[in-house]
Protein backbone atom coordinates (compact mmCIF):
# COMPACT_ATOMS: atom_id res chain seq x y z
CA MET A 1 70.47 112.88 -166.34
CA LYS A 2 72.40 110.51 -164.64
CA ILE A 3 71.01 109.78 -160.97
CA THR A 4 73.35 109.45 -158.10
CA TRP A 5 73.06 108.94 -154.70
CA LYS A 6 72.87 112.83 -154.02
CA THR A 7 69.77 112.91 -156.19
CA LEU A 8 67.83 110.05 -154.85
CA LEU A 9 68.98 112.23 -151.24
CA ALA A 10 67.42 115.24 -152.06
CA LEU A 11 64.50 114.13 -153.53
CA PHE A 12 64.20 111.87 -150.39
CA PHE A 13 64.34 114.91 -148.05
CA TYR A 14 62.19 117.25 -150.57
CA ALA A 15 59.22 114.49 -150.15
CA LEU A 16 59.80 114.61 -146.58
CA GLY A 17 59.22 117.98 -146.44
CA ILE A 18 56.12 118.00 -148.14
CA VAL A 19 54.60 114.91 -146.22
CA GLY A 20 55.82 116.85 -143.00
CA TRP A 21 53.91 120.19 -144.06
CA CYS A 22 50.62 118.00 -145.02
CA TYR A 23 51.17 116.34 -141.57
CA VAL A 24 51.59 119.50 -139.75
CA GLY A 25 49.56 121.36 -141.94
CA GLY A 26 46.51 119.56 -143.00
CA TRP A 27 46.13 116.91 -140.23
CA MET A 28 47.02 118.85 -137.44
CA ILE A 29 44.81 121.82 -137.66
CA LEU A 30 41.85 119.25 -139.08
CA THR A 31 42.35 117.56 -135.91
CA ARG A 32 42.69 120.34 -132.97
CA PRO A 33 41.37 123.05 -134.12
CA VAL A 34 38.63 122.70 -136.17
CA ARG A 35 37.45 119.58 -134.65
CA SER A 36 37.60 121.64 -130.97
CA LEU A 37 35.02 123.70 -132.95
CA ILE A 38 33.03 121.46 -134.31
CA ALA A 39 32.78 119.90 -130.27
CA ALA A 40 31.62 123.26 -129.43
CA HIS A 41 29.21 124.35 -131.56
CA LEU A 42 27.38 120.80 -131.05
CA ALA A 43 27.71 121.29 -127.03
CA GLY A 44 26.35 124.52 -127.46
CA SER A 45 29.02 126.74 -126.66
CA PHE A 46 30.76 127.81 -129.39
CA SER A 47 31.91 131.56 -128.95
CA VAL A 48 33.90 134.29 -130.88
CA GLY A 49 36.51 133.38 -128.22
CA LYS A 50 36.87 129.95 -129.34
CA LEU A 51 36.87 130.67 -132.98
CA ILE A 52 39.87 133.01 -132.09
CA VAL A 53 41.78 130.89 -130.29
CA ALA A 54 41.70 127.87 -133.39
CA LEU A 55 42.27 130.88 -135.71
CA ILE A 56 45.37 131.46 -134.05
CA GLN A 57 46.47 127.76 -133.62
CA ALA A 58 45.46 127.25 -136.92
CA PHE A 59 48.06 130.38 -138.26
CA ILE A 60 50.80 128.51 -135.71
CA TYR A 61 50.45 125.42 -136.94
CA LEU A 62 50.81 126.84 -140.82
CA SER A 63 53.81 128.76 -139.60
CA LEU A 64 55.28 124.93 -138.08
CA ALA A 65 54.13 123.53 -141.66
CA GLY A 66 55.96 126.07 -143.72
CA GLY A 67 59.20 125.96 -141.49
CA VAL A 68 59.20 121.61 -141.68
CA TRP A 69 58.84 122.32 -145.32
CA CYS A 70 61.43 124.93 -145.51
CA VAL A 71 63.93 122.57 -143.66
CA GLY A 72 63.39 119.86 -146.37
CA TYR A 73 63.40 122.27 -149.23
CA MET A 74 67.22 123.35 -147.60
CA LEU A 75 68.57 120.03 -147.24
CA SER A 76 67.46 118.95 -150.57
CA ASN A 77 69.25 121.69 -151.76
CA HIS A 78 72.32 120.93 -150.11
CA PHE A 79 72.60 117.39 -151.70
CA ARG A 80 71.38 118.34 -154.84
CA ASP A 81 73.89 118.13 -157.52
CA ASP A 82 75.20 121.03 -159.05
CA GLN A 83 75.04 121.01 -163.04
């Protein structure tokens, strides 16, 4: 298999999509909704409403993370060599 600049660019965009998914899907979920739930629990103000809001935020962040990965995947397919 011959490695060309297109192959390297495709690999770069695919890796960028995965890193973007990890950042948005993992880091943003752990730092925003889960962190606010932990703080509410420690403060004694944990409620079902806060749990529902955190679940909605987590769903939105995971959807956004999937979109970020899809963009990276589509860009990598654009630059992939046809065999």
